[in-house]
C-alpha atoms as a PDB file:
ATOM      1  CA  MET A   1     -59.100 282.231  68.064  1.00  0.00           C
ATOM      2  CA  LYS A   2     -58.411 280.772  64.410  1.00  0.00           C
ATOM      3  CA  ASN A   3     -61.454 278.515  65.101  1.00  0.00           C
ATOM      4  CA  THR A   4     -63.699 281.231  65.721  1.00  0.00           C
ATOM      5  CA  LEU A   5     -62.691 283.200  62.535  1.00  0.00           C
ATOM      6  CA  ALA A   6     -62.700 280.304  60.014  1.00  0.00           C
ATOM      7  CA  PRO A   7     -66.204 280.440  59.551  1.00  0.00           C
ATOM      8  CA  PHE A   8     -66.628 284.413  59.143  1.00  0.00           C
ATOM      9  CA  PHE A   9     -63.344 284.205  56.600  1.00  0.00           C
ATOM     10  CA  SER A  10     -65.352 281.234  54.626  1.00  0.00           C
ATOM     11  CA  ILE A  11     -68.395 283.254  54.085  1.00  0.00           C
ATOM     12  CA  PHE A  12     -66.690 286.566  53.539  1.00  0.00           C
ATOM     13  CA  ILE A  13     -64.639 284.719  50.623  1.00  0.00           C
ATOM     14  CA  LEU A  14     -68.525 283.105  49.613  1.00  0.00           C
ATOM     15  CA  VAL A  15     -69.667 286.625  49.276  1.00  0.00           C
ATOM     16  CA  MET A  16     -67.084 288.249  47.318  1.00  0.00           C
ATOM     17  CA  ILE A  17     -67.165 285.473  44.733  1.00  0.00           C
ATOM     18  CA  ALA A  18     -71.241 285.965  44.525  1.00  0.00           C
ATOM     19  CA  VAL A  19     -70.164 289.615  44.210  1.00  0.00           C
ATOM     20  CA  VAL A  20     -67.680 289.149  41.529  1.00  0.00           C
ATOM     21  CA  SER A  21     -69.745 286.869  39.220  1.00  0.00           C
ATOM     22  CA  LEU A  22     -72.541 289.144  39.775  1.00  0.00           C
ATOM     23  CA  PHE A  23     -70.603 292.080  38.560  1.00  0.00           C
ATOM     24  CA  LEU A  24     -69.289 289.680  35.920  1.00  0.00           C
ATOM     25  CA  LYS A  25     -72.303 288.832  34.739  1.00  0.00           C
ATOM     26  CA  MET A  26     -73.961 292.273  34.552  1.00  0.00           C
ATOM     27  CA  GLU A  27     -71.173 293.759  32.729  1.00  0.00           C
ATOM     28  CA  VAL A  28     -71.656 291.206  30.103  1.00  0.00           C
ATOM     29  CA  VAL A  29     -74.941 291.925  29.868  1.00  0.00           C
ATOM     30  CA  ARG A  30     -74.025 295.493  29.640  1.00  0.00           C
ATOM     31  CA  GLN A  31     -71.620 294.853  26.955  1.00  0.00           C
ATOM     32  CA  GLY A  32     -74.138 292.673  24.461  1.00  0.00           C
ATOM     33  CA  TYR A  33     -76.510 295.853  24.767  1.00  0.00           C
ATOM     34  CA  GLU A  34     -73.849 297.991  23.448  1.00  0.00           C
ATOM     35  CA  LEU A  35     -72.890 295.342  20.807  1.00  0.00           C
ATOM     36  CA  VAL A  36     -76.120 295.497  19.587  1.00  0.00           C
ATOM     37  CA  SER A  37     -76.190 299.127  19.998  1.00  0.00           C
ATOM     38  CA  ILE A  38     -72.660 299.245  17.789  1.00  0.00           C
ATOM     39  CA  ALA A  39     -74.207 296.650  15.467  1.00  0.00           C
ATOM     40  CA  HIS A  40     -77.571 299.185  14.761  1.00  0.00           C
ATOM     41  CA  ALA A  41     -75.211 301.747  14.005  1.00  0.00           C
ATOM     42  CA  GLN A  42     -73.064 300.139  11.293  1.00  0.00           C
ATOM     43  CA  LYS A  43     -76.291 298.888   9.742  1.00  0.00           C
ATOM     44  CA  THR A  44     -77.517 302.342   9.603  1.00  0.00           C
ATOM     45  CA  ALA A  45     -74.367 303.874   7.993  1.00  0.00           C
ATOM     46  CA  ALA A  46     -73.912 300.968   5.692  1.00  0.00           C
ATOM     47  CA  HIS A  47     -77.506 301.832   4.489  1.00  0.00           C
ATOM     48  CA  GLU A  48     -77.251 305.222   4.174  1.00  0.00           C
ATOM     49  CA  ASN A  49     -73.699 304.984   2.730  1.00  0.00           C
ATOM     50  CA  SER A  50     -75.336 302.867  -0.112  1.00  0.00           C
ATOM     51  CA  GLY A  51     -77.819 305.580  -0.489  1.00  0.00           C
ATOM     52  CA  LEU A  52     -75.039 308.064  -0.670  1.00  0.00           C
ATOM     53  CA  GLU A  53     -73.420 305.831  -3.677  1.00  0.00           C
ATOM     54  CA  LEU A  54     -76.369 305.971  -5.266  1.00  0.00           C
ATOM     55  CA  HIS A  55     -77.046 309.947  -5.441  1.00  0.00           C
ATOM     56  CA  TYR A  56     -73.234 310.255  -6.749  1.00  0.00           C
ATOM     57  CA  ALA A  57     -73.675 307.763  -9.750  1.00  0.00           C
ATOM     58  CA  LYS A  58     -76.827 309.712 -10.421  1.00  0.00           C
ATOM     59  CA  LEU A  59     -75.373 313.160 -10.353  1.00  0.00           C
ATOM     60  CA  THR A  60     -72.171 311.955 -12.298  1.00  0.00           C
ATOM     61  CA  ARG A  61     -73.906 309.577 -15.006  1.00  0.00           C
ATOM     62  CA  PRO A  62     -72.422 310.680 -18.660  1.00  0.00           C
ATOM     63  CA  GLN A  63     -75.714 311.563 -19.941  1.00  0.00           C
ATOM     64  CA  ARG A  64     -76.614 314.175 -17.111  1.00  0.00           C
ATOM     65  CA  LEU A  65     -73.056 315.896 -17.058  1.00  0.00           C
ATOM     66  CA  ASP A  66     -74.062 316.251 -21.184  1.00  0.00           C
ATOM     67  CA  PHE A  67     -76.981 317.401 -20.685  1.00  0.00           C
ATOM     68  CA  ILE A  68     -75.926 319.674 -17.918  1.00  0.00           C
ATOM     69  CA  ALA A  69     -72.929 321.257 -20.092  1.00  0.00           C
ATOM     70  CA  THR A  70     -74.766 321.458 -23.452  1.00  0.00           C
ATOM     71  CA  GLN A  71     -78.087 323.097 -22.071  1.00  0.00           C
ATOM     72  CA  ARG A  72     -77.628 324.729 -18.792  1.00  0.00           C
ATOM     73  CA  LEU A  73     -73.716 325.882 -19.620  1.00  0.00           C
ATOM     74  CA  ALA A  74     -74.086 326.502 -23.417  1.00  0.00           C
ATOM     75  CA  LEU A  75     -71.077 324.188 -24.077  1.00  0.00           C
ATOM     76  CA  ASN A  76     -70.314 322.704 -27.553  1.00  0.00           C
ATOM     77  CA  ARG A  77     -69.082 319.483 -27.981  1.00  0.00           C
ATOM     78  CA  ALA A  78     -65.466 319.217 -28.895  1.00  0.00           C
ATOM     79  CA  GLN A  79     -64.842 318.125 -32.680  1.00  0.00           C
ATOM     80  CA  LYS A  80     -63.096 315.553 -33.451  1.00  0.00           C
ATOM     81  CA  ASN A  81     -60.084 317.316 -34.999  1.00  0.00           C
ATOM     82  CA  GLN A  82     -60.099 320.101 -32.077  1.00  0.00           C
ATOM     83  CA  VAL A  83     -57.128 320.250 -30.546  1.00  0.00           C
ATOM     84  CA  VAL A  84     -56.931 321.564 -26.704  1.00  0.00           C
ATOM     85  CA  LEU A  85     -53.112 322.807 -25.531  1.00  0.00           C
ATOM     86  CA  MET A  86     -52.831 323.262 -21.973  1.00  0.00           C
ATOM     87  CA  ALA A  87     -50.105 325.738 -20.917  1.00  0.00           C
ATOM     88  CA  SER A  88     -47.382 324.201 -18.679  1.00  0.00           C
ATOM     89  CA  VAL A  89     -46.912 326.012 -15.665  1.00  0.00           C
ATOM     90  CA  ALA A  90     -43.385 324.382 -14.326  1.00  0.00           C
ATOM     91  CA  GLN A  91     -40.659 326.076 -13.559  1.00  0.00           C
END
């Protein structure tokens, strides 16, 4: 009885090895696509970040802030001998 089932067990084991091997190959391909997708998202985010840093630098440059303060807000430049005292709120 053992000799008659041995070829079936051998075939069953070979089929299972083939199925597991195929599954692993498919998983490697799927993770490869996921890696490419993540790399693209990272590249897009880095490009957007550099654009935002440039925009921030433009908004906070001293010449622009000076123009807004003097022209739009009608603020005057501080004089050299002008002293600004800040009240302390510590209790």
